[in-house]
């Protein structure tokens, strides 16, 4: 998907539910992991906020939370504004990457379905910048494509990703093209590499909380 294509952006909300196994459950788990350490009036950073899906869910579930959302796509931030509607008064949106985010410190942060777009040589810097914006002990919840690179495993898991999307109603030709694009163009790392980067960036207690075919999710705490 091109995040600068207005037509594609308009259809974005349909995508995660069809492509990400247990998408709504992933959002709920992310919010619960944040709530373990975030009080009722927490201030949270959402990196990759375009579309506004998790912002809307979090804001509805926790009426006292306030948010800063960051995304490089102006079109996606426009969609987030429309998605949030009357909840916008609790959200400040910034166009850009992690360096565009205020310094905080924040009570927690999420980065959902985003890090697999970040080039490998920028991944650690992004995670370090996230950790620097968090209070000590604050949670970071991440989830993204994370696939074993050993032998044929990457291809096998991408085939399963395509099969799930097709079973969810996406045209089979589209699912095959998407799987091929992910394999060829996205800087996807293995779960072991992703966990190592979180620890190297200064997060402690890194734990897997979600796995859905090609997707993995972790929670860690700012050291």
N, C-alpha and C. Protein backbone atom coordinates (compact mmCIF):
# COMPACT_ATOMS: atom_id res chain seq x y z
N UNK A 1 0.84 -1.20 0.00
CA UNK A 1 0.00 0.00 0.00
C UNK A 1 0.87 1.25 0.00
N UNK A 2 0.47 2.28 -0.80
CA UNK A 2 1.13 3.57 -0.76
C UNK A 2 0.40 4.46 0.24
N UNK A 3 1.10 4.89 1.28
CA UNK A 3 0.46 5.70 2.31
C UNK A 3 0.27 7.15 1.87
N UNK A 4 0.71 7.47 0.64
CA UNK A 4 0.46 8.81 0.09
C UNK A 4 -0.64 8.79 -0.97
N UNK A 5 -1.21 7.62 -1.25
CA UNK A 5 -2.27 7.47 -2.23
C UNK A 5 -3.61 7.68 -1.54
N UNK A 6 -4.34 8.77 -1.86
CA UNK A 6 -5.60 9.04 -1.15
C UNK A 6 -6.60 7.91 -1.22
N UNK A 7 -6.71 7.24 -2.38
CA UNK A 7 -7.66 6.13 -2.50
C UNK A 7 -7.27 4.97 -1.60
N UNK A 8 -5.97 4.65 -1.58
CA UNK A 8 -5.50 3.56 -0.73
C UNK A 8 -5.69 3.90 0.74
N UNK A 9 -5.41 5.15 1.10
CA UNK A 9 -5.59 5.59 2.48
C UNK A 9 -7.05 5.46 2.90
N UNK A 10 -7.97 5.81 1.99
CA UNK A 10 -9.39 5.74 2.31
C UNK A 10 -9.83 4.32 2.61
N UNK A 11 -9.14 3.32 2.01
CA UNK A 11 -9.49 1.92 2.24
C UNK A 11 -8.70 1.29 3.38
N UNK A 12 -7.83 2.06 4.02
CA UNK A 12 -6.88 1.49 4.98
C UNK A 12 -7.55 0.74 6.12
N UNK A 13 -8.64 1.27 6.64
CA UNK A 13 -9.25 0.69 7.84
C UNK A 13 -9.66 -0.76 7.63
N UNK A 14 -9.96 -1.16 6.39
CA UNK A 14 -10.35 -2.55 6.12
C UNK A 14 -9.16 -3.51 6.16
N UNK A 15 -7.96 -2.99 5.96
CA UNK A 15 -6.80 -3.85 5.77
C UNK A 15 -6.35 -4.62 6.99
N UNK A 16 -6.07 -3.95 8.12
CA UNK A 16 -5.53 -4.69 9.27
C UNK A 16 -6.39 -5.85 9.73
N UNK A 17 -7.71 -5.69 9.72
CA UNK A 17 -8.57 -6.78 10.18
C UNK A 17 -8.43 -8.00 9.28
N UNK A 18 -8.23 -7.78 7.99
CA UNK A 18 -8.12 -8.88 7.04
C UNK A 18 -6.72 -9.47 6.98
N UNK A 19 -5.71 -8.68 7.33
CA UNK A 19 -4.33 -9.10 7.13
C UNK A 19 -3.62 -9.52 8.41
N UNK A 20 -4.09 -9.04 9.56
CA UNK A 20 -3.40 -9.27 10.83
C UNK A 20 -4.26 -10.19 11.69
N UNK A 21 -3.84 -11.42 11.92
CA UNK A 21 -4.64 -12.33 12.74
C UNK A 21 -4.91 -11.75 14.13
N UNK A 22 -6.17 -11.73 14.53
CA UNK A 22 -6.53 -11.23 15.85
C UNK A 22 -6.26 -9.76 16.05
N UNK A 23 -6.49 -8.96 15.00
CA UNK A 23 -6.12 -7.54 15.06
C UNK A 23 -6.76 -6.83 16.25
N UNK A 24 -8.06 -7.01 16.45
CA UNK A 24 -8.72 -6.31 17.56
C UNK A 24 -8.21 -6.82 18.91
N UNK A 25 -7.92 -8.11 19.00
CA UNK A 25 -7.33 -8.64 20.22
C UNK A 25 -5.94 -8.06 20.47
N UNK A 26 -5.18 -7.85 19.41
CA UNK A 26 -3.86 -7.24 19.53
C UNK A 26 -3.99 -5.84 20.13
N UNK A 27 -4.94 -5.06 19.64
CA UNK A 27 -5.15 -3.72 20.20
C UNK A 27 -5.51 -3.79 21.68
N UNK A 28 -6.42 -4.71 22.02
CA UNK A 28 -6.85 -4.82 23.41
C UNK A 28 -5.68 -5.24 24.31
N UNK A 29 -4.88 -6.21 23.85
CA UNK A 29 -3.73 -6.65 24.65
C UNK A 29 -2.73 -5.52 24.82
N UNK A 30 -2.48 -4.76 23.76
CA UNK A 30 -1.54 -3.63 23.86
C UNK A 30 -2.02 -2.64 24.91
N UNK A 31 -3.31 -2.33 24.90
CA UNK A 31 -3.84 -1.38 25.88
C UNK A 31 -3.73 -1.91 27.30
N UNK A 32 -3.99 -3.20 27.49
CA UNK A 32 -3.89 -3.78 28.82
C UNK A 32 -2.46 -3.79 29.33
N UNK A 33 -1.51 -4.05 28.44
CA UNK A 33 -0.10 -4.02 28.84
C UNK A 33 0.32 -2.60 29.23
N UNK A 34 -0.17 -1.61 28.51
CA UNK A 34 0.11 -0.23 28.91
C UNK A 34 -0.51 0.08 30.26
N UNK A 35 -1.76 -0.36 30.45
CA UNK A 35 -2.50 -0.02 31.67
C UNK A 35 -1.90 -0.64 32.92
N UNK A 36 -1.11 -1.71 32.76
CA UNK A 36 -0.46 -2.31 33.93
C UNK A 36 0.41 -1.30 34.67
N UNK A 37 1.00 -0.36 33.92
CA UNK A 37 1.92 0.60 34.54
C UNK A 37 1.51 2.05 34.35
N UNK A 38 0.49 2.30 33.55
CA UNK A 38 0.06 3.66 33.27
C UNK A 38 -1.18 3.99 34.07
N UNK A 39 -1.16 5.13 34.74
CA UNK A 39 -2.29 5.54 35.53
C UNK A 39 -3.45 6.04 34.69
N UNK A 40 -4.54 6.46 35.34
CA UNK A 40 -5.75 6.87 34.61
C UNK A 40 -5.58 8.16 33.82
N UNK A 41 -4.53 8.94 34.10
CA UNK A 41 -4.32 10.20 33.38
C UNK A 41 -3.00 10.17 32.61
N UNK A 42 -2.62 9.00 32.11
CA UNK A 42 -1.33 8.82 31.44
C UNK A 42 -1.25 9.62 30.14
N UNK A 43 -0.01 9.92 29.78
CA UNK A 43 0.30 10.55 28.48
C UNK A 43 1.13 9.55 27.68
N UNK A 44 0.65 9.21 26.48
CA UNK A 44 1.22 8.11 25.72
C UNK A 44 1.67 8.56 24.34
N UNK A 45 2.74 7.94 23.87
CA UNK A 45 3.29 8.20 22.54
C UNK A 45 2.93 7.03 21.63
N UNK A 46 2.36 7.34 20.47
CA UNK A 46 2.01 6.32 19.48
C UNK A 46 2.80 6.61 18.21
N UNK A 47 3.80 5.78 17.93
CA UNK A 47 4.62 5.94 16.73
C UNK A 47 4.02 5.08 15.62
N UNK A 48 3.75 5.71 14.47
CA UNK A 48 3.03 5.03 13.40
C UNK A 48 1.54 5.15 13.63
N UNK A 49 1.10 6.38 13.91
CA UNK A 49 -0.29 6.62 14.35
C UNK A 49 -1.25 6.81 13.19
N UNK A 50 -0.76 6.87 11.96
CA UNK A 50 -1.61 7.13 10.82
C UNK A 50 -2.78 6.17 10.74
N UNK A 51 -3.93 6.68 10.40
CA UNK A 51 -5.14 5.88 10.38
C UNK A 51 -5.94 6.01 11.65
N UNK A 52 -5.24 6.13 12.79
CA UNK A 52 -5.89 6.41 14.06
C UNK A 52 -6.61 5.25 14.71
N UNK A 53 -6.40 4.01 14.21
CA UNK A 53 -7.18 2.89 14.72
C UNK A 53 -6.89 2.60 16.19
N UNK A 54 -5.59 2.49 16.54
CA UNK A 54 -5.30 2.21 17.95
C UNK A 54 -5.54 3.43 18.82
N UNK A 55 -5.30 4.63 18.28
CA UNK A 55 -5.60 5.83 19.05
C UNK A 55 -7.06 5.87 19.45
N UNK A 56 -7.95 5.59 18.52
CA UNK A 56 -9.38 5.60 18.81
C UNK A 56 -9.74 4.54 19.84
N UNK A 57 -9.20 3.32 19.66
CA UNK A 57 -9.50 2.25 20.61
C UNK A 57 -8.99 2.59 22.00
N UNK A 58 -7.74 3.03 22.10
CA UNK A 58 -7.18 3.35 23.42
C UNK A 58 -7.96 4.49 24.08
N UNK A 59 -8.30 5.51 23.30
CA UNK A 59 -8.99 6.67 23.86
C UNK A 59 -10.38 6.31 24.36
N UNK A 60 -11.04 5.39 23.67
CA UNK A 60 -12.37 4.96 24.12
C UNK A 60 -12.29 4.10 25.37
N UNK A 61 -11.28 3.24 25.45
CA UNK A 61 -11.16 2.35 26.60
C UNK A 61 -10.69 3.08 27.85
N UNK A 62 -9.85 4.13 27.69
CA UNK A 62 -9.25 4.82 28.84
C UNK A 62 -9.50 6.32 28.67
N UNK A 63 -10.63 6.80 29.17
CA UNK A 63 -11.06 8.18 28.91
C UNK A 63 -10.13 9.25 29.45
N UNK A 64 -9.25 8.91 30.40
CA UNK A 64 -8.35 9.91 30.95
C UNK A 64 -7.00 9.99 30.25
N UNK A 65 -6.71 9.07 29.37
CA UNK A 65 -5.42 9.07 28.68
C UNK A 65 -5.38 10.17 27.62
N UNK A 66 -4.19 10.73 27.45
CA UNK A 66 -3.93 11.69 26.37
C UNK A 66 -2.78 11.16 25.52
N UNK A 67 -2.73 11.58 24.27
CA UNK A 67 -1.84 10.93 23.31
C UNK A 67 -1.10 11.94 22.43
N UNK A 68 0.10 11.52 22.05
CA UNK A 68 0.83 12.15 20.95
C UNK A 68 1.02 11.08 19.88
N UNK A 69 0.55 11.36 18.67
CA UNK A 69 0.68 10.42 17.56
C UNK A 69 1.60 10.97 16.49
N UNK A 70 2.48 10.10 15.99
CA UNK A 70 3.47 10.51 14.99
C UNK A 70 3.38 9.59 13.78
N UNK A 71 3.38 10.18 12.59
CA UNK A 71 3.35 9.38 11.36
C UNK A 71 3.92 10.23 10.22
N UNK A 72 4.66 9.60 9.28
CA UNK A 72 5.26 10.38 8.20
C UNK A 72 4.30 10.78 7.10
N UNK A 73 3.08 10.22 7.06
CA UNK A 73 2.15 10.46 5.97
C UNK A 73 1.08 11.46 6.38
N UNK A 74 1.04 12.60 5.69
CA UNK A 74 0.01 13.60 5.97
C UNK A 74 -1.38 13.04 5.66
N UNK A 75 -1.48 12.21 4.61
CA UNK A 75 -2.77 11.63 4.26
C UNK A 75 -3.27 10.70 5.37
N UNK A 76 -2.36 9.90 5.93
CA UNK A 76 -2.75 8.99 7.00
C UNK A 76 -3.12 9.75 8.28
N UNK A 77 -2.44 10.85 8.55
CA UNK A 77 -2.81 11.66 9.71
C UNK A 77 -4.17 12.31 9.51
N UNK A 78 -4.48 12.67 8.26
CA UNK A 78 -5.81 13.18 7.97
C UNK A 78 -6.87 12.13 8.25
N UNK A 79 -6.58 10.88 7.86
CA UNK A 79 -7.49 9.78 8.15
C UNK A 79 -7.63 9.58 9.66
N UNK A 80 -6.52 9.70 10.39
CA UNK A 80 -6.57 9.57 11.84
C UNK A 80 -7.49 10.62 12.45
N UNK A 81 -7.42 11.84 11.94
CA UNK A 81 -8.28 12.90 12.45
C UNK A 81 -9.75 12.56 12.22
N UNK A 82 -10.06 12.04 11.03
CA UNK A 82 -11.45 11.68 10.74
C UNK A 82 -11.89 10.48 11.57
N UNK A 83 -10.99 9.52 11.77
CA UNK A 83 -11.30 8.34 12.58
C UNK A 83 -11.58 8.72 14.03
N UNK A 84 -10.79 9.64 14.56
CA UNK A 84 -10.92 10.02 15.96
C UNK A 84 -12.16 10.85 16.23
N UNK A 85 -12.55 11.67 15.28
CA UNK A 85 -13.74 12.51 15.47
C UNK A 85 -13.64 13.36 16.73
N UNK A 86 -14.61 13.23 17.60
CA UNK A 86 -14.66 14.06 18.81
C UNK A 86 -13.55 13.74 19.80
N UNK A 87 -12.84 12.63 19.60
CA UNK A 87 -11.73 12.28 20.50
C UNK A 87 -10.46 13.07 20.19
N UNK A 88 -10.46 13.83 19.10
CA UNK A 88 -9.25 14.55 18.67
C UNK A 88 -8.72 15.52 19.71
N UNK A 89 -9.59 15.99 20.60
CA UNK A 89 -9.12 16.97 21.59
C UNK A 89 -8.17 16.36 22.60
N UNK A 90 -8.04 15.03 22.60
CA UNK A 90 -7.10 14.36 23.50
C UNK A 90 -5.86 13.86 22.77
N UNK A 91 -5.71 14.22 21.51
CA UNK A 91 -4.61 13.70 20.68
C UNK A 91 -3.91 14.84 19.97
N UNK A 92 -2.59 14.88 20.06
CA UNK A 92 -1.76 15.80 19.28
C UNK A 92 -1.05 14.99 18.21
N UNK A 93 -1.25 15.34 16.95
CA UNK A 93 -0.67 14.59 15.84
C UNK A 93 0.51 15.36 15.24
N UNK A 94 1.59 14.63 14.94
CA UNK A 94 2.80 15.22 14.37
C UNK A 94 3.18 14.46 13.11
N UNK A 95 3.44 15.19 12.03
CA UNK A 95 3.91 14.56 10.80
C UNK A 95 5.42 14.38 10.86
N UNK A 96 5.89 13.15 10.63
CA UNK A 96 7.33 12.89 10.64
C UNK A 96 7.64 11.54 11.22
N UNK A 97 8.88 11.38 11.65
CA UNK A 97 9.36 10.13 12.22
C UNK A 97 9.61 10.34 13.72
N UNK A 98 10.33 9.46 14.35
CA UNK A 98 10.47 9.54 15.80
C UNK A 98 11.09 10.86 16.24
N UNK A 99 11.97 11.44 15.43
CA UNK A 99 12.60 12.70 15.82
C UNK A 99 11.60 13.85 15.87
N UNK A 100 10.43 13.67 15.25
CA UNK A 100 9.39 14.70 15.29
C UNK A 100 8.56 14.63 16.57
N UNK A 101 8.74 13.59 17.35
CA UNK A 101 7.98 13.44 18.59
C UNK A 101 8.55 14.33 19.68
N UNK A 102 7.70 14.90 20.53
CA UNK A 102 8.20 15.65 21.69
C UNK A 102 9.09 14.76 22.56
N UNK A 103 9.93 15.39 23.36
CA UNK A 103 10.87 14.64 24.18
C UNK A 103 10.21 13.91 25.33
N UNK A 104 8.99 14.30 25.69
CA UNK A 104 8.32 13.64 26.81
C UNK A 104 8.76 14.23 28.14
N UNK A 105 8.93 13.38 29.19
CA UNK A 105 8.83 11.92 29.13
C UNK A 105 7.39 11.42 29.15
N UNK A 106 7.16 10.32 28.44
CA UNK A 106 5.84 9.72 28.34
C UNK A 106 5.70 8.57 29.33
N UNK A 107 4.45 8.25 29.66
CA UNK A 107 4.16 7.15 30.58
C UNK A 107 4.18 5.79 29.89
N UNK A 108 4.13 5.79 28.56
CA UNK A 108 4.15 4.54 27.80
C UNK A 108 4.12 4.87 26.32
N UNK A 109 4.36 3.86 25.49
CA UNK A 109 4.39 4.07 24.05
C UNK A 109 4.01 2.79 23.33
N UNK A 110 3.51 2.95 22.11
CA UNK A 110 3.26 1.81 21.23
C UNK A 110 3.84 2.10 19.86
N UNK A 111 4.14 1.01 19.17
CA UNK A 111 4.58 1.08 17.78
C UNK A 111 4.03 -0.18 17.11
N UNK A 112 2.80 -0.08 16.61
CA UNK A 112 2.09 -1.25 16.08
C UNK A 112 2.09 -1.23 14.56
N UNK A 113 2.51 -2.35 13.96
CA UNK A 113 2.47 -2.55 12.51
C UNK A 113 3.26 -1.47 11.79
N UNK A 114 4.39 -1.10 12.37
CA UNK A 114 5.18 0.02 11.84
C UNK A 114 6.66 -0.31 11.67
N UNK A 115 7.28 -0.96 12.66
CA UNK A 115 8.73 -1.13 12.62
C UNK A 115 9.22 -1.92 11.41
N UNK A 116 8.35 -2.77 10.83
CA UNK A 116 8.81 -3.53 9.66
C UNK A 116 9.02 -2.63 8.45
N UNK A 117 8.60 -1.36 8.51
CA UNK A 117 8.89 -0.41 7.43
C UNK A 117 10.21 0.33 7.65
N UNK A 118 10.75 0.26 8.85
CA UNK A 118 11.95 1.03 9.19
C UNK A 118 13.19 0.26 8.73
N UNK A 119 14.05 0.89 7.92
CA UNK A 119 15.27 0.20 7.46
C UNK A 119 16.07 -0.36 8.63
N UNK A 120 16.72 -1.49 8.38
CA UNK A 120 17.45 -2.16 9.46
C UNK A 120 18.46 -1.24 10.14
N UNK A 121 19.14 -0.41 9.36
CA UNK A 121 20.16 0.46 9.97
C UNK A 121 19.56 1.62 10.75
N UNK A 122 18.23 1.82 10.65
CA UNK A 122 17.56 2.86 11.42
C UNK A 122 16.74 2.30 12.58
N UNK A 123 16.61 0.96 12.61
CA UNK A 123 15.72 0.34 13.60
C UNK A 123 16.22 0.60 15.02
N UNK A 124 17.49 0.36 15.27
CA UNK A 124 18.02 0.55 16.62
C UNK A 124 17.92 2.01 17.04
N UNK A 125 18.25 2.93 16.15
CA UNK A 125 18.17 4.35 16.49
C UNK A 125 16.75 4.74 16.85
N UNK A 126 15.79 4.21 16.12
CA UNK A 126 14.38 4.51 16.40
C UNK A 126 13.98 3.99 17.78
N UNK A 127 14.40 2.77 18.11
CA UNK A 127 14.06 2.20 19.41
C UNK A 127 14.74 2.96 20.55
N UNK A 128 15.98 3.37 20.34
CA UNK A 128 16.68 4.16 21.36
C UNK A 128 15.95 5.48 21.58
N UNK A 129 15.54 6.13 20.49
CA UNK A 129 14.82 7.40 20.61
C UNK A 129 13.49 7.22 21.32
N UNK A 130 12.82 6.10 21.10
CA UNK A 130 11.59 5.80 21.84
C UNK A 130 11.89 5.66 23.33
N UNK A 131 12.92 4.88 23.64
CA UNK A 131 13.25 4.66 25.05
C UNK A 131 13.62 5.97 25.75
N UNK A 132 14.33 6.86 25.04
CA UNK A 132 14.73 8.13 25.63
C UNK A 132 13.54 9.04 25.93
N UNK A 133 12.42 8.79 25.29
CA UNK A 133 11.22 9.60 25.50
C UNK A 133 10.29 9.02 26.56
N UNK A 134 10.69 7.93 27.17
CA UNK A 134 9.85 7.27 28.18
C UNK A 134 10.40 7.48 29.59
N UNK A 135 9.49 7.51 30.55
CA UNK A 135 9.90 7.53 31.95
C UNK A 135 10.55 6.19 32.30
N UNK A 136 11.45 6.15 33.27
CA UNK A 136 12.03 4.87 33.68
C UNK A 136 10.96 3.86 34.06
N UNK A 137 11.05 2.67 33.49
CA UNK A 137 10.08 1.63 33.78
C UNK A 137 8.82 1.68 32.94
N UNK A 138 8.69 2.69 32.08
CA UNK A 138 7.49 2.83 31.26
C UNK A 138 7.46 1.75 30.18
N UNK A 139 6.28 1.25 29.83
CA UNK A 139 6.18 0.18 28.84
C UNK A 139 6.22 0.68 27.40
N UNK A 140 6.85 -0.13 26.55
CA UNK A 140 6.76 0.02 25.10
C UNK A 140 6.15 -1.26 24.56
N UNK A 141 5.10 -1.13 23.74
CA UNK A 141 4.47 -2.28 23.10
C UNK A 141 4.69 -2.16 21.60
N UNK A 142 5.28 -3.19 21.01
CA UNK A 142 5.53 -3.20 19.57
C UNK A 142 4.94 -4.47 18.97
N UNK A 143 4.54 -4.39 17.71
CA UNK A 143 4.08 -5.57 16.97
C UNK A 143 4.26 -5.28 15.48
N UNK A 144 4.79 -6.26 14.75
CA UNK A 144 5.08 -6.06 13.34
C UNK A 144 5.47 -7.40 12.71
N UNK A 145 5.66 -7.41 11.39
CA UNK A 145 6.18 -8.61 10.73
C UNK A 145 7.54 -8.97 11.32
N UNK A 146 7.71 -10.22 11.70
CA UNK A 146 8.98 -10.71 12.25
C UNK A 146 9.05 -12.19 11.90
N UNK A 147 9.93 -12.54 10.96
CA UNK A 147 9.89 -13.87 10.35
C UNK A 147 11.26 -14.51 10.39
N UNK A 148 11.29 -15.78 10.72
CA UNK A 148 12.54 -16.53 10.66
C UNK A 148 13.15 -16.42 9.27
N UNK A 149 14.45 -16.23 9.23
CA UNK A 149 15.16 -16.11 7.95
C UNK A 149 15.83 -17.43 7.56
N UNK A 150 15.62 -18.49 8.33
CA UNK A 150 16.34 -19.75 8.12
C UNK A 150 15.70 -20.57 7.00
N UNK A 151 16.52 -21.01 6.06
CA UNK A 151 16.07 -21.92 5.01
C UNK A 151 14.84 -21.41 4.29
N UNK A 152 13.83 -22.29 4.19
CA UNK A 152 12.59 -21.94 3.50
C UNK A 152 11.53 -21.35 4.42
N UNK A 153 11.88 -21.12 5.69
CA UNK A 153 10.86 -20.71 6.65
C UNK A 153 10.21 -19.39 6.29
N UNK A 154 11.00 -18.44 5.79
CA UNK A 154 10.42 -17.14 5.43
C UNK A 154 9.34 -17.31 4.37
N UNK A 155 9.62 -18.09 3.34
CA UNK A 155 8.64 -18.31 2.28
C UNK A 155 7.40 -19.02 2.82
N UNK A 156 7.61 -20.03 3.67
CA UNK A 156 6.48 -20.78 4.23
C UNK A 156 5.56 -19.86 5.02
N UNK A 157 6.14 -19.00 5.85
CA UNK A 157 5.31 -18.12 6.67
C UNK A 157 4.63 -17.04 5.82
N UNK A 158 5.29 -16.56 4.79
CA UNK A 158 4.64 -15.59 3.90
C UNK A 158 3.49 -16.24 3.14
N UNK A 159 3.64 -17.50 2.78
CA UNK A 159 2.52 -18.23 2.15
C UNK A 159 1.34 -18.33 3.12
N UNK A 160 1.62 -18.53 4.39
CA UNK A 160 0.56 -18.61 5.39
C UNK A 160 -0.10 -17.24 5.59
N UNK A 161 0.70 -16.20 5.56
CA UNK A 161 0.16 -14.84 5.62
C UNK A 161 -0.82 -14.61 4.46
N UNK A 162 -0.41 -15.02 3.26
CA UNK A 162 -1.27 -14.86 2.09
C UNK A 162 -2.53 -15.70 2.22
N UNK A 163 -2.40 -16.91 2.74
CA UNK A 163 -3.57 -17.77 2.91
C UNK A 163 -4.56 -17.18 3.90
N UNK A 164 -4.07 -16.58 4.99
CA UNK A 164 -4.97 -15.94 5.96
C UNK A 164 -5.71 -14.78 5.32
N UNK A 165 -4.98 -13.95 4.56
CA UNK A 165 -5.61 -12.81 3.91
C UNK A 165 -6.68 -13.27 2.93
N UNK A 166 -6.37 -14.32 2.15
CA UNK A 166 -7.35 -14.83 1.19
C UNK A 166 -8.58 -15.38 1.90
N UNK A 167 -8.36 -16.07 3.02
CA UNK A 167 -9.49 -16.61 3.79
C UNK A 167 -10.32 -15.50 4.42
N UNK A 168 -9.72 -14.31 4.56
CA UNK A 168 -10.44 -13.16 5.13
C UNK A 168 -11.14 -12.33 4.07
N UNK A 169 -11.05 -12.77 2.80
CA UNK A 169 -11.79 -12.08 1.75
C UNK A 169 -10.97 -11.24 0.80
N UNK A 170 -9.64 -11.20 0.99
CA UNK A 170 -8.78 -10.47 0.06
C UNK A 170 -8.60 -11.31 -1.20
N UNK A 171 -8.73 -10.74 -2.40
CA UNK A 171 -8.54 -11.51 -3.63
C UNK A 171 -7.19 -12.23 -3.62
N UNK A 172 -7.16 -13.53 -3.97
CA UNK A 172 -5.92 -14.32 -3.89
C UNK A 172 -4.75 -13.70 -4.64
N UNK A 173 -5.00 -13.10 -5.81
CA UNK A 173 -3.90 -12.49 -6.55
C UNK A 173 -3.28 -11.34 -5.75
N UNK A 174 -4.13 -10.58 -5.07
CA UNK A 174 -3.62 -9.48 -4.25
C UNK A 174 -2.79 -10.01 -3.09
N UNK A 175 -3.23 -11.10 -2.49
CA UNK A 175 -2.49 -11.64 -1.34
C UNK A 175 -1.13 -12.15 -1.77
N UNK A 176 -1.07 -12.81 -2.93
CA UNK A 176 0.23 -13.30 -3.42
C UNK A 176 1.17 -12.13 -3.70
N UNK A 177 0.65 -11.09 -4.33
CA UNK A 177 1.48 -9.92 -4.62
C UNK A 177 1.98 -9.26 -3.34
N UNK A 178 1.09 -9.18 -2.35
CA UNK A 178 1.49 -8.56 -1.08
C UNK A 178 2.57 -9.38 -0.38
N UNK A 179 2.41 -10.70 -0.37
CA UNK A 179 3.41 -11.56 0.27
C UNK A 179 4.76 -11.44 -0.43
N UNK A 180 4.74 -11.40 -1.75
CA UNK A 180 6.00 -11.26 -2.49
C UNK A 180 6.65 -9.91 -2.20
N UNK A 181 5.84 -8.86 -2.11
CA UNK A 181 6.39 -7.54 -1.83
C UNK A 181 7.00 -7.48 -0.44
N UNK A 182 6.33 -8.08 0.54
CA UNK A 182 6.88 -8.11 1.89
C UNK A 182 8.22 -8.83 1.90
N UNK A 183 8.28 -9.97 1.23
CA UNK A 183 9.52 -10.74 1.21
C UNK A 183 10.65 -10.04 0.50
N UNK A 184 10.32 -9.29 -0.55
CA UNK A 184 11.37 -8.68 -1.37
C UNK A 184 11.77 -7.29 -0.93
N UNK A 185 10.81 -6.52 -0.37
CA UNK A 185 11.09 -5.10 -0.18
C UNK A 185 11.11 -4.63 1.28
N UNK A 186 10.39 -5.31 2.16
CA UNK A 186 10.38 -4.84 3.54
C UNK A 186 11.61 -5.36 4.29
N UNK A 187 12.22 -4.52 5.14
CA UNK A 187 13.38 -4.94 5.92
C UNK A 187 12.96 -5.76 7.15
N UNK A 188 12.33 -6.91 6.90
CA UNK A 188 11.82 -7.74 7.99
C UNK A 188 12.97 -8.50 8.65
N UNK A 189 12.99 -8.52 9.97
CA UNK A 189 14.02 -9.22 10.74
C UNK A 189 13.42 -10.50 11.34
N UNK A 190 14.29 -11.31 11.90
CA UNK A 190 13.83 -12.51 12.60
C UNK A 190 13.39 -12.14 14.02
N UNK A 191 12.57 -12.96 14.67
CA UNK A 191 12.19 -12.67 16.06
C UNK A 191 13.40 -12.51 16.97
N UNK A 192 14.43 -13.31 16.76
CA UNK A 192 15.63 -13.21 17.60
C UNK A 192 16.31 -11.86 17.41
N UNK A 193 16.37 -11.38 16.18
CA UNK A 193 16.97 -10.07 15.92
C UNK A 193 16.14 -8.95 16.53
N UNK A 194 14.82 -9.05 16.41
CA UNK A 194 13.95 -8.02 16.97
C UNK A 194 14.10 -7.93 18.48
N UNK A 195 14.10 -9.08 19.14
CA UNK A 195 14.26 -9.06 20.60
C UNK A 195 15.60 -8.49 20.99
N UNK A 196 16.65 -8.86 20.27
CA UNK A 196 17.99 -8.36 20.59
C UNK A 196 18.06 -6.85 20.44
N UNK A 197 17.41 -6.30 19.43
CA UNK A 197 17.42 -4.85 19.23
C UNK A 197 16.70 -4.13 20.36
N UNK A 198 15.58 -4.68 20.82
CA UNK A 198 14.89 -4.06 21.94
C UNK A 198 15.78 -4.00 23.18
N UNK A 199 16.48 -5.09 23.45
CA UNK A 199 17.38 -5.10 24.61
C UNK A 199 18.56 -4.15 24.41
N UNK A 200 19.11 -4.14 23.20
CA UNK A 200 20.24 -3.25 22.92
C UNK A 200 19.83 -1.79 23.05
N UNK A 201 18.57 -1.49 22.74
CA UNK A 201 18.08 -0.11 22.84
C UNK A 201 17.84 0.32 24.27
N UNK A 202 17.93 -0.61 25.22
CA UNK A 202 17.79 -0.25 26.63
C UNK A 202 16.49 -0.66 27.28
N UNK A 203 15.75 -1.58 26.64
CA UNK A 203 14.50 -2.07 27.23
C UNK A 203 14.78 -3.35 28.01
N UNK A 204 14.16 -3.45 29.16
CA UNK A 204 14.32 -4.62 30.02
C UNK A 204 13.01 -5.41 30.06
N UNK A 205 13.09 -6.64 30.57
CA UNK A 205 11.89 -7.46 30.71
C UNK A 205 11.18 -7.70 29.39
N UNK A 206 11.93 -7.78 28.31
CA UNK A 206 11.33 -7.96 26.98
C UNK A 206 10.65 -9.32 26.90
N UNK A 207 9.34 -9.31 26.59
CA UNK A 207 8.56 -10.55 26.57
C UNK A 207 7.65 -10.58 25.35
N UNK A 208 7.56 -11.74 24.74
CA UNK A 208 6.62 -11.96 23.65
C UNK A 208 5.21 -12.07 24.22
N UNK A 209 4.25 -11.32 23.65
CA UNK A 209 2.86 -11.44 24.11
C UNK A 209 1.91 -11.81 22.99
N UNK A 210 2.39 -11.76 21.74
CA UNK A 210 1.49 -11.98 20.61
C UNK A 210 2.27 -12.64 19.47
N UNK A 211 1.64 -13.62 18.83
CA UNK A 211 2.19 -14.24 17.63
C UNK A 211 1.03 -14.63 16.72
N UNK A 212 1.07 -14.14 15.49
CA UNK A 212 0.02 -14.46 14.53
C UNK A 212 0.62 -14.60 13.14
N UNK A 213 0.97 -15.85 12.77
CA UNK A 213 1.63 -16.13 11.50
C UNK A 213 2.90 -15.28 11.36
N UNK A 214 2.94 -14.30 10.45
CA UNK A 214 4.19 -13.55 10.24
C UNK A 214 4.38 -12.43 11.26
N UNK A 215 3.40 -12.19 12.11
CA UNK A 215 3.48 -11.07 13.05
C UNK A 215 3.90 -11.55 14.44
N UNK A 216 4.68 -10.70 15.12
CA UNK A 216 5.05 -10.93 16.51
C UNK A 216 4.88 -9.62 17.27
N UNK A 217 4.60 -9.73 18.57
CA UNK A 217 4.47 -8.56 19.40
C UNK A 217 5.20 -8.74 20.72
N UNK A 218 5.86 -7.69 21.17
CA UNK A 218 6.63 -7.73 22.43
C UNK A 218 6.26 -6.55 23.31
N UNK A 219 6.46 -6.71 24.59
CA UNK A 219 6.42 -5.60 25.53
C UNK A 219 7.78 -5.55 26.22
N UNK A 220 8.28 -4.35 26.43
CA UNK A 220 9.51 -4.13 27.17
C UNK A 220 9.39 -2.85 27.96
N UNK A 221 10.35 -2.60 28.86
CA UNK A 221 10.24 -1.49 29.80
C UNK A 221 11.52 -0.65 29.75
N UNK A 222 11.35 0.66 29.72
CA UNK A 222 12.48 1.58 29.58
C UNK A 222 13.41 1.45 30.77
N UNK A 223 14.68 1.16 30.49
CA UNK A 223 15.66 1.03 31.55
C UNK A 223 16.30 2.35 31.89
